[in-house]
């Protein structure tokens, strides 16, 4: 009996040691998964994780995924606070400036990135499956250039893909008779997915309007308040990428400054110089005006984000953001295919989520962001909310789903390819919204409507104003 009792005690001791070792290993694995030091998450008591962003489909998607996240995290509730787009950034900044713990996750756009950046926790991209993310979407707003440290910083994660590209009508461009006639007249391919320069777009506009096939050419935003700063870089990107004296080997420019600035900070400056007051910029502006000449004169109606769908029925297509596809009726949508900008690139316009420095639940917030960009969540984004994924795997899952209409699968194919090459972006440095956009758009609009006829003068004046703002801001 004594020997049996001794054996039993030894076994128990061994078991206790094994349990301790297992617990230690488990603790190591948990802590090593997130190298960025954050407060460990806990679900021992009810926790509300609060996201604040602008209202719309994106917010609805975040809330939907929040409910799914709660199911796998007992005791956690995800609450999405929505404000109108015109109010959300002021609401966020008010809370952040007061160091409020009210919001855990902060929503922002590329143009507001550097306004909220000082209040966000730097993210470690190793926390995410970076190989599965479309990084050009992340680069425009999620990653910024710190002019003090001269280092790039990750401040947020892109949770969807939104790009500016070509939408065209298959009933026109798949017509073999029109394809042959256009080739005979211009010796160029009629299919938008094959276009290699902007000249072919102008020729298509001329061909279709002169033959009374469409009333307008391809629609392009010429709205003075905002749209010009989206449309011009989309065109300028073609010329900028081909001029090494402007880009210095960075076809997308320096993060934050992007293609409207040179790709290098020259000696004696704290910021890169404007790039658009150049021969490349003049070529882009002249191209822009020709495209605008085939639509409603801007002095009468300014084509913009909100009214492109109104004129789309009388046009062969449009240059638009993928988010605008939802404004097309079902008949138009089924007749619409997508293509990248001429020569295969695109412009980005996506949105982001970052973690507040004052959040009491930083680890949990990080886990939710990881969840939001996971393949299945991203599949839900497209199927349920018409949002294009940021996850590469999600695209493959969607493209293999035969229940998705063929035209939507064509959209997915082209958006995926173009999104990987989406670098033709306007700036998103702090002075952009209040100072750079108005001064640039006003000058360019005067040229588009015809009150000013010298493109070089227009761009030089805008660049001079930008230099004043930059010197004031950066010193």
Protein backbone atom coordinates (compact mmCIF):
# COMPACT_ATOMS: atom_id res chain seq x y z
CA UNK A 1 0.00 0.00 0.00
CA UNK A 2 2.86 2.39 0.84
CA UNK A 3 4.55 1.86 -2.56
CA UNK A 4 1.29 2.53 -4.45
CA UNK A 5 0.74 5.74 -2.53
CA UNK A 6 4.31 6.94 -3.36
CA UNK A 7 3.81 6.22 -7.09
CA UNK A 8 0.56 8.13 -7.11
CA UNK A 9 2.21 11.18 -5.54
CA UNK A 10 4.97 11.14 -8.17
CA UNK A 11 2.47 10.96 -11.04
CA UNK A 12 0.51 13.86 -9.61
CA UNK A 13 3.67 15.93 -9.32
CA UNK A 14 4.59 15.22 -12.94
CA UNK A 15 1.11 16.20 -14.09
CA UNK A 16 1.32 19.51 -12.20
CA UNK A 17 4.68 20.30 -13.82
CA UNK A 18 3.32 19.50 -17.30
CA UNK A 19 0.33 21.78 -16.73
CA UNK A 20 2.62 24.61 -15.67
CA UNK A 21 4.78 24.12 -18.78
CA UNK A 22 1.72 24.08 -21.08
CA UNK A 23 0.41 27.27 -19.47
CA UNK A 24 3.78 28.97 -19.91
CA UNK A 25 3.99 27.97 -23.59
CA UNK A 26 0.43 29.16 -24.21
CA UNK A 27 1.21 32.50 -22.58
CA UNK A 28 4.31 32.85 -24.75
CA UNK A 29 2.39 32.15 -27.95
CA UNK A 30 -0.29 34.71 -27.10
CA UNK A 31 2.16 37.47 -26.26
CA UNK A 32 4.52 36.77 -29.16
CA UNK A 33 1.69 36.97 -31.73
CA UNK A 34 1.47 40.74 -31.21
CA UNK A 35 4.94 42.25 -30.94
CA UNK A 36 3.52 45.78 -30.47
CA UNK A 37 3.09 46.33 -26.71
CA UNK A 38 -0.62 46.76 -26.06
CA UNK A 39 -2.91 46.09 -23.14
CA UNK A 40 -4.00 42.41 -23.27
CA UNK A 41 -7.67 41.90 -24.09
CA UNK A 42 -9.98 40.40 -21.53
CA UNK A 43 -13.53 39.17 -21.69
CA UNK A 44 -13.97 38.42 -18.00
CA UNK A 45 -16.32 41.42 -17.75
CA UNK A 46 -18.63 43.00 -20.35
CA UNK A 47 -16.68 45.27 -22.70
CA UNK A 48 -18.00 47.72 -25.31
CA UNK A 49 -15.66 48.36 -28.19
CA UNK A 50 -16.68 51.66 -29.79
CA UNK A 51 -15.98 52.56 -33.41
CA UNK A 52 -16.65 56.07 -34.71
CA UNK A 53 -16.86 56.86 -38.42
CA UNK A 54 -19.01 58.54 -41.06
CA UNK A 55 -22.45 57.17 -41.88
CA UNK A 56 -23.11 54.94 -44.86
CA UNK A 57 -22.65 51.43 -46.19
CA UNK A 58 -19.12 51.14 -44.83
CA UNK A 59 -20.35 51.85 -41.31
CA UNK A 60 -23.10 49.27 -41.75
CA UNK A 61 -20.53 46.70 -42.84
CA UNK A 62 -18.40 47.43 -39.75
CA UNK A 63 -21.43 47.04 -37.51
CA UNK A 64 -22.43 43.77 -39.18
CA UNK A 65 -18.97 42.32 -38.66
CA UNK A 66 -19.00 43.68 -35.11
CA UNK A 67 -21.93 41.43 -34.30
CA UNK A 68 -20.09 38.42 -35.72
CA UNK A 69 -17.00 39.38 -33.74
CA UNK A 70 -19.06 39.48 -30.55
CA UNK A 71 -20.23 35.91 -31.15
CA UNK A 72 -16.62 34.67 -30.98
CA UNK A 73 -15.73 37.02 -28.11
CA UNK A 74 -18.23 36.47 -25.26
CA UNK A 75 -18.80 39.60 -23.22
CA UNK A 76 -17.72 41.94 -26.03
CA UNK A 77 -20.11 44.32 -27.78
CA UNK A 78 -19.02 46.32 -30.83
CA UNK A 79 -20.82 49.64 -31.15
CA UNK A 80 -20.48 51.78 -34.29
CA UNK A 81 -21.20 55.48 -33.84
CA UNK A 82 -22.07 57.15 -37.14
CA UNK A 83 -21.96 60.86 -37.96
CA UNK A 84 -22.72 62.59 -41.29
CA UNK A 85 -19.63 62.87 -43.47
CA UNK A 86 -19.60 66.66 -43.07
CA UNK A 87 -19.45 66.34 -39.27
CA UNK A 88 -17.59 63.15 -38.40
CA UNK A 89 -13.99 64.40 -38.45
CA UNK A 90 -14.77 67.38 -36.19
CA UNK A 91 -16.56 65.06 -33.75
CA UNK A 92 -13.59 62.71 -33.70
CA UNK A 93 -10.99 65.43 -33.28
CA UNK A 94 -12.96 67.03 -30.47
CA UNK A 95 -12.87 63.76 -28.52
CA UNK A 96 -9.26 62.97 -29.37
CA UNK A 97 -7.96 66.41 -28.48
CA UNK A 98 -9.56 66.09 -25.05
CA UNK A 99 -7.97 62.64 -24.61
CA UNK A 100 -11.38 61.06 -24.27
CA UNK A 101 -11.58 57.28 -23.86
CA UNK A 102 -15.01 57.34 -25.53
CA UNK A 103 -13.84 55.91 -28.86
CA UNK A 104 -11.59 52.89 -29.34
CA UNK A 105 -11.41 52.77 -33.12
CA UNK A 106 -11.29 55.89 -35.31
CA UNK A 107 -12.55 55.96 -38.90
CA UNK A 108 -10.94 58.31 -41.40
CA UNK A 109 -10.37 58.87 -45.10
CA UNK A 110 -7.09 59.29 -46.91
CA UNK A 111 -7.46 63.07 -46.94
CA UNK A 112 -8.07 63.29 -43.18
CA UNK A 113 -5.32 60.78 -42.27
CA UNK A 114 -2.77 63.27 -41.01
CA UNK A 115 -5.35 65.19 -39.01
CA UNK A 116 -6.01 62.17 -36.79
CA UNK A 117 -2.51 60.64 -37.01
CA UNK A 118 -1.14 62.27 -33.81
CA UNK A 119 -3.87 60.56 -31.79
CA UNK A 120 -3.52 57.03 -33.17
CA UNK A 121 -1.46 54.06 -32.00
CA UNK A 122 1.22 53.15 -34.56
CA UNK A 123 0.29 49.78 -36.04
CA UNK A 124 2.67 46.94 -36.72
CA UNK A 125 1.75 45.47 -40.10
CA UNK A 126 3.09 42.12 -38.93
CA UNK A 127 -0.08 41.90 -36.82
CA UNK A 128 -2.02 41.49 -40.08
CA UNK A 129 -1.74 38.93 -42.84
CA UNK A 130 0.01 41.50 -44.97
CA UNK A 131 0.55 39.05 -47.85
CA UNK A 132 -3.24 38.88 -48.21
CA UNK A 133 -3.80 42.65 -48.26
CA UNK A 134 -3.77 44.86 -51.35
CA UNK A 135 -1.06 47.21 -50.14
CA UNK A 136 -1.55 50.15 -52.57
CA UNK A 137 -4.90 50.64 -50.83
CA UNK A 138 -3.14 50.71 -47.48
CA UNK A 139 -0.42 53.07 -48.68
CA UNK A 140 -2.75 56.00 -49.43
CA UNK A 141 -3.74 57.12 -45.94
CA UNK A 142 -2.92 54.12 -43.79
CA UNK A 143 0.78 54.86 -44.13
CA UNK A 144 2.05 58.43 -43.80
CA UNK A 145 5.44 60.10 -44.14
CA UNK A 146 6.66 61.81 -40.97
CA UNK A 147 8.52 64.94 -42.07
CA UNK A 148 10.27 65.16 -38.69
CA UNK A 149 11.63 61.61 -38.49
CA UNK A 150 11.70 61.11 -42.30
CA UNK A 151 10.17 57.69 -41.70
CA UNK A 152 6.93 56.08 -42.87
CA UNK A 153 4.37 55.33 -40.13
CA UNK A 154 1.36 52.98 -40.25
CA UNK A 155 -1.57 54.71 -38.54
CA UNK A 156 -4.55 52.72 -39.81
CA UNK A 157 -5.71 49.73 -41.80
CA UNK A 158 -7.71 49.89 -45.04
CA UNK A 159 -10.80 47.73 -44.71
CA UNK A 160 -12.06 47.87 -48.31
CA UNK A 161 -10.86 48.68 -51.83
CA UNK A 162 -12.02 51.81 -53.61
CA UNK A 163 -10.37 52.98 -56.81
CA UNK A 164 -10.89 55.48 -59.63
CA UNK A 165 -10.99 53.75 -63.00
CA UNK A 166 -12.93 53.38 -66.27
CA UNK A 167 -16.54 52.20 -66.39
CA UNK A 168 -17.73 51.45 -69.94
CA UNK A 169 -20.82 50.07 -71.66
CA UNK A 170 -20.43 46.61 -73.14
CA UNK A 171 -23.32 47.23 -75.55
CA UNK A 172 -21.08 49.78 -77.28
CA UNK A 173 -17.57 48.43 -76.87
CA UNK A 174 -18.37 44.76 -77.53
CA UNK A 175 -20.05 45.73 -80.81
CA UNK A 176 -17.87 44.21 -83.55
CA UNK A 177 -19.11 46.68 -86.20
CA UNK A 178 -18.07 49.65 -84.07
CA UNK A 179 -14.78 47.95 -83.24
CA UNK A 180 -13.97 47.58 -86.95
CA UNK A 181 -15.08 51.10 -87.87
CA UNK A 182 -13.04 52.66 -85.10
CA UNK A 183 -9.94 50.69 -86.06
CA UNK A 184 -10.31 51.64 -89.71
CA UNK A 185 -10.56 55.31 -88.76
CA UNK A 186 -7.97 55.57 -85.97
CA UNK A 187 -5.91 52.35 -86.17
CA UNK A 188 -6.40 51.79 -82.46
CA UNK A 189 -8.10 49.10 -80.41
CA UNK A 190 -11.63 49.99 -79.32
CA UNK A 191 -11.69 47.84 -76.16
CA UNK A 192 -11.00 49.89 -72.98
CA UNK A 193 -9.05 47.12 -71.21
CA UNK A 194 -6.40 47.41 -73.96
CA UNK A 195 -5.92 51.20 -73.94
CA UNK A 196 -2.31 52.23 -73.44
CA UNK A 197 -2.56 56.04 -73.47
CA UNK A 198 -4.99 58.92 -73.09
CA UNK A 199 -5.00 59.75 -76.81
CA UNK A 200 -7.17 56.74 -77.54
CA UNK A 201 -9.78 57.98 -75.02
CA UNK A 202 -10.02 61.32 -76.80
CA UNK A 203 -10.29 59.55 -80.16
CA UNK A 204 -13.08 57.33 -78.84
CA UNK A 205 -14.95 60.40 -77.58
CA UNK A 206 -14.58 62.05 -80.97
CA UNK A 207 -15.63 58.90 -82.83
CA UNK A 208 -18.76 58.23 -80.77
CA UNK A 209 -20.04 61.80 -80.63
CA UNK A 210 -19.30 62.61 -84.29
CA UNK A 211 -21.16 59.46 -85.39
CA UNK A 212 -24.08 60.33 -83.09
CA UNK A 213 -23.68 57.05 -81.23
CA UNK A 214 -23.63 58.85 -77.88
CA UNK A 215 -24.43 62.43 -76.89
CA UNK A 216 -21.39 62.73 -74.64
CA UNK A 217 -17.93 61.27 -74.46
CA UNK A 218 -16.60 59.56 -71.33
CA UNK A 219 -17.80 61.53 -68.33
CA UNK A 220 -15.14 62.92 -66.01
CA UNK A 221 -15.55 64.96 -62.84
CA UNK A 222 -14.86 68.69 -63.28
CA UNK A 223 -16.41 69.94 -60.05
CA UNK A 224 -14.55 72.97 -58.70
CA UNK A 225 -15.18 72.29 -55.01
CA UNK A 226 -13.56 68.86 -54.92
CA UNK A 227 -13.73 66.65 -58.03
CA UNK A 228 -10.88 68.29 -59.96
CA UNK A 229 -8.34 67.13 -57.38
CA UNK A 230 -9.43 63.54 -58.10
CA UNK A 231 -9.70 63.74 -61.89
CA UNK A 232 -6.45 65.59 -62.61
CA UNK A 233 -4.12 63.14 -60.75
CA UNK A 234 -5.84 60.24 -62.52
CA UNK A 235 -4.68 61.70 -65.84
CA UNK A 236 -1.40 63.17 -64.58
CA UNK A 237 -0.31 59.77 -63.24
CA UNK A 238 0.35 58.58 -66.80
CA UNK A 239 2.76 61.45 -67.48
CA UNK A 240 4.31 61.57 -63.98
CA UNK A 241 5.24 57.88 -64.02
CA UNK A 242 7.14 58.38 -67.28
CA UNK A 243 9.18 61.36 -66.11
CA UNK A 244 12.03 60.29 -63.84
CA UNK A 245 13.03 63.93 -63.32
CA UNK A 246 9.76 64.28 -61.38
CA UNK A 247 9.33 60.93 -59.67
CA UNK A 248 13.01 60.06 -58.98
CA UNK A 249 12.13 56.39 -59.27
CA UNK A 250 9.00 56.57 -57.08
CA UNK A 251 6.11 56.41 -59.54
CA UNK A 252 3.63 57.04 -56.71
CA UNK A 253 5.68 59.78 -55.09
CA UNK A 254 6.43 60.14 -51.37
CA UNK A 255 3.63 58.80 -49.09
CA UNK A 256 1.31 61.62 -48.12
CA UNK A 257 2.62 63.96 -50.82
CA UNK A 258 2.07 61.47 -53.66
CA UNK A 259 2.25 62.31 -57.37
CA UNK A 260 1.38 66.01 -57.11
CA UNK A 261 4.86 66.40 -55.61
CA UNK A 262 8.28 65.27 -56.71
CA UNK A 263 9.52 61.90 -55.49
CA UNK A 264 12.46 63.35 -53.60
CA UNK A 265 13.04 66.07 -50.99
CA UNK A 266 15.70 68.33 -52.46
CA UNK A 267 18.50 69.85 -50.31
CA UNK A 268 17.38 72.96 -48.46
CA UNK A 269 13.73 71.94 -48.19
CA UNK A 270 11.67 70.13 -45.56
CA UNK A 271 9.19 68.92 -48.16
CA UNK A 272 9.17 67.83 -51.82
CA UNK A 273 8.37 70.46 -54.46
CA UNK A 274 5.14 70.46 -56.50
CA UNK A 275 5.46 68.35 -59.65
CA UNK A 276 2.45 69.43 -61.70
CA UNK A 277 3.89 72.79 -62.87
CA UNK A 278 5.92 70.88 -65.45
CA UNK A 279 5.73 69.75 -69.05
CA UNK A 280 4.08 66.54 -67.82
CA UNK A 281 1.53 68.60 -65.89
CA UNK A 282 0.72 70.76 -68.92
CA UNK A 283 0.18 67.66 -71.08
CA UNK A 284 -2.15 66.23 -68.44
CA UNK A 285 -4.14 69.45 -68.14
CA UNK A 286 -4.53 69.77 -71.90
CA UNK A 287 -5.75 66.17 -72.02
CA UNK A 288 -8.18 66.88 -69.18
CA UNK A 289 -9.68 69.85 -71.04
CA UNK A 290 -10.15 67.80 -74.21
CA UNK A 291 -12.01 65.12 -72.26
CA UNK A 292 -14.22 67.75 -70.62
CA UNK A 293 -15.02 69.23 -74.05
CA UNK A 294 -17.01 66.10 -74.90
CA UNK A 295 -19.41 66.48 -71.97
CA UNK A 296 -21.64 69.23 -70.58
CA UNK A 297 -19.70 72.54 -70.52
CA UNK A 298 -18.54 73.15 -66.93
CA UNK A 299 -19.84 76.72 -67.11
CA UNK A 300 -23.34 75.20 -67.37
CA UNK A 301 -23.14 72.00 -65.28
CA UNK A 302 -20.21 70.66 -63.31
CA UNK A 303 -20.06 66.87 -63.51
CA UNK A 304 -19.47 65.50 -60.03
CA UNK A 305 -19.67 62.48 -57.75
CA UNK A 306 -23.36 63.10 -57.16
CA UNK A 307 -24.64 63.56 -60.72
CA UNK A 308 -22.57 61.32 -62.99
CA UNK A 309 -25.35 58.72 -62.87
CA UNK A 310 -27.77 61.31 -64.29
CA UNK A 311 -25.74 61.72 -67.48
CA UNK A 312 -24.47 58.16 -67.72
CA UNK A 313 -27.37 56.94 -69.95
CA UNK A 314 -26.22 59.30 -72.73
CA UNK A 315 -22.52 58.52 -72.41
CA UNK A 316 -20.36 55.54 -73.40
CA UNK A 317 -18.96 55.35 -69.88
CA UNK A 318 -17.28 57.37 -67.16
CA UNK A 319 -14.22 57.78 -65.04
CA UNK A 320 -15.48 57.09 -61.54
CA UNK A 321 -14.80 55.58 -58.14
CA UNK A 322 -15.99 52.02 -57.60
CA UNK A 323 -18.30 53.30 -54.85
CA UNK A 324 -20.29 55.15 -57.55
CA UNK A 325 -21.30 51.90 -59.25
CA UNK A 326 -24.07 51.51 -56.69
CA UNK A 327 -25.74 54.64 -58.12
CA UNK A 328 -26.36 52.90 -61.47
CA UNK A 329 -29.72 51.21 -61.98
CA UNK A 330 -29.74 47.47 -62.52
CA UNK A 331 -30.01 47.71 -66.33
CA UNK A 332 -27.07 50.09 -66.57
CA UNK A 333 -25.03 48.04 -64.11
CA UNK A 334 -25.47 44.86 -66.13
CA UNK A 335 -24.33 46.74 -69.25
CA UNK A 336 -21.24 48.13 -67.49
CA UNK A 337 -17.75 46.67 -67.43
CA UNK A 338 -14.62 48.06 -65.78
CA UNK A 339 -11.08 48.73 -66.94
CA UNK A 340 -8.01 50.36 -65.38
CA UNK A 341 -6.90 53.82 -66.44
CA UNK A 342 -5.00 53.83 -69.77
CA UNK A 343 -1.80 51.76 -69.51
CA UNK A 344 -3.08 49.81 -66.50
CA UNK A 345 -2.99 51.93 -63.34
CA UNK A 346 -5.60 53.47 -61.02
CA UNK A 347 -6.18 56.05 -58.31
CA UNK A 348 -7.08 55.13 -54.73
CA UNK A 349 -9.90 56.53 -52.61
CA UNK A 350 -10.33 54.07 -49.77
CA UNK A 351 -11.12 54.49 -46.05
CA UNK A 352 -9.33 53.43 -42.88
CA UNK A 353 -9.67 52.51 -39.24
CA UNK A 354 -7.07 53.28 -36.57
CA UNK A 355 -6.79 52.69 -32.81
CA UNK A 356 -7.08 55.66 -30.47
CA UNK A 357 -4.13 56.30 -28.13
CA UNK A 358 -6.69 56.80 -25.38
CA UNK A 359 -8.58 53.55 -25.89
CA UNK A 360 -8.82 51.31 -22.83
CA UNK A 361 -9.10 48.24 -25.07
CA UNK A 362 -6.22 48.51 -27.53
CA UNK A 363 -5.56 44.77 -27.84
CA UNK A 364 -9.23 44.02 -28.42
CA UNK A 365 -9.39 46.82 -30.99
CA UNK A 366 -6.43 45.31 -32.81
CA UNK A 367 -8.11 41.89 -32.83
CA UNK A 368 -11.26 43.43 -34.33
CA UNK A 369 -9.29 45.12 -37.12
CA UNK A 370 -7.63 41.78 -37.91
CA UNK A 371 -11.09 40.19 -37.99
CA UNK A 372 -12.47 42.92 -40.28
CA UNK A 373 -9.85 42.34 -42.99
CA UNK A 374 -10.05 38.54 -42.84
CA UNK A 375 -11.12 36.82 -46.09
CA UNK A 376 -14.61 35.82 -44.95
CA UNK A 377 -15.41 39.28 -43.59
CA UNK A 378 -14.25 40.75 -46.87
CA UNK A 379 -16.45 38.37 -48.84
CA UNK A 380 -19.37 39.64 -46.76
CA UNK A 381 -18.37 43.22 -47.60
CA UNK A 382 -18.94 42.60 -51.31
CA UNK A 383 -21.96 40.31 -51.22
CA UNK A 384 -23.91 42.18 -48.56
CA UNK A 385 -22.66 45.77 -48.87
CA UNK A 386 -21.24 46.07 -52.43
CA UNK A 387 -17.79 46.93 -51.06
CA UNK A 388 -14.78 45.60 -52.94
CA UNK A 389 -12.43 43.55 -50.73
CA UNK A 390 -8.99 44.46 -49.45
CA UNK A 391 -8.25 40.73 -49.06
CA UNK A 392 -6.71 38.94 -52.05
CA UNK A 393 -8.11 35.61 -50.89
CA UNK A 394 -11.60 37.12 -50.76
CA UNK A 395 -11.37 37.93 -54.47
CA UNK A 396 -10.53 34.31 -55.25
CA UNK A 397 -13.43 33.10 -53.12
CA UNK A 398 -15.83 35.49 -54.85
CA UNK A 399 -14.61 34.72 -58.37
CA UNK A 400 -15.15 31.00 -57.79
CA UNK A 401 -18.74 31.68 -56.68
CA UNK A 402 -20.80 30.97 -59.80
CA UNK A 403 -23.95 32.42 -58.23
CA UNK A 404 -22.43 35.91 -58.60
CA UNK A 405 -23.52 37.49 -61.93
CA UNK A 406 -20.91 37.46 -64.68
CA UNK A 407 -20.77 41.25 -64.91
CA UNK A 408 -19.96 41.50 -61.20
CA UNK A 409 -17.23 38.90 -61.60
CA UNK A 410 -15.79 41.03 -64.41
CA UNK A 411 -15.82 43.97 -61.98
CA UNK A 412 -14.02 41.90 -59.36
CA UNK A 413 -11.37 40.77 -61.85
CA UNK A 414 -10.59 44.28 -63.11
CA UNK A 415 -10.77 45.98 -59.71
CA UNK A 416 -8.37 43.43 -58.26
CA UNK A 417 -5.82 43.99 -61.03
CA UNK A 418 -6.14 47.77 -61.01
CA UNK A 419 -6.08 48.00 -57.20
CA UNK A 420 -2.66 46.35 -57.15
CA UNK A 421 -1.42 49.22 -59.30
CA UNK A 422 -3.30 52.14 -57.74
CA UNK A 423 -0.75 54.85 -57.03
CA UNK A 424 -1.94 57.93 -58.98
CA UNK A 425 -3.10 59.79 -55.89
CA UNK A 426 -3.52 63.42 -54.81
CA UNK A 427 -1.79 64.56 -51.61
CA UNK A 428 -3.18 63.96 -48.12
CA UNK A 429 -0.80 66.07 -46.07
CA UNK A 430 -2.42 68.30 -43.40
CA UNK A 431 -2.87 71.47 -45.54
CA UNK A 432 -4.55 69.50 -48.35
CA UNK A 433 -8.24 69.93 -47.64
CA UNK A 434 -8.41 73.56 -46.53
CA UNK A 435 -5.62 75.06 -48.62
CA UNK A 436 -4.16 72.92 -51.41
CA UNK A 437 -7.41 71.67 -52.96
CA UNK A 438 -9.17 75.06 -53.23
CA UNK A 439 -6.11 76.84 -54.64
CA UNK A 440 -5.50 74.11 -57.24
CA UNK A 441 -9.12 73.52 -58.22
CA UNK A 442 -9.89 77.21 -58.69
CA UNK A 443 -7.02 77.66 -61.11
CA UNK A 444 -7.74 74.50 -63.10
CA UNK A 445 -11.47 75.22 -63.29
CA UNK A 446 -10.77 78.61 -64.86
CA UNK A 447 -8.90 76.77 -67.61
CA UNK A 448 -11.51 74.06 -68.10
CA UNK A 449 -14.32 76.59 -68.51
CA UNK A 450 -12.25 78.79 -70.82
CA UNK A 451 -11.76 81.98 -68.82
CA UNK A 452 -8.01 81.28 -68.81
CA UNK A 453 -6.25 79.77 -71.84
CA UNK A 454 -2.66 79.29 -70.68
CA UNK A 455 -2.21 75.88 -68.98
CA UNK A 456 1.37 76.61 -67.88
CA UNK A 457 0.32 79.83 -66.20
CA UNK A 458 -2.57 78.09 -64.45
CA UNK A 459 -0.35 75.37 -63.02
CA UNK A 460 2.48 77.72 -62.10
CA UNK A 461 0.08 79.94 -60.17
CA UNK A 462 -1.34 76.95 -58.29
CA UNK A 463 2.17 75.64 -57.52
CA UNK A 464 3.23 79.06 -56.21
CA UNK A 465 0.29 79.09 -53.81
CA UNK A 466 1.11 75.55 -52.69
CA UNK A 467 4.68 76.61 -51.92
CA UNK A 468 3.40 79.43 -49.71
CA UNK A 469 1.21 77.04 -47.73
CA UNK A 470 3.97 74.44 -47.42
CA UNK A 471 6.60 76.93 -46.28
CA UNK A 472 4.16 78.22 -43.71
CA UNK A 473 3.35 74.73 -42.46
CA UNK A 474 6.70 72.93 -42.65
CA UNK A 475 9.06 75.89 -42.41
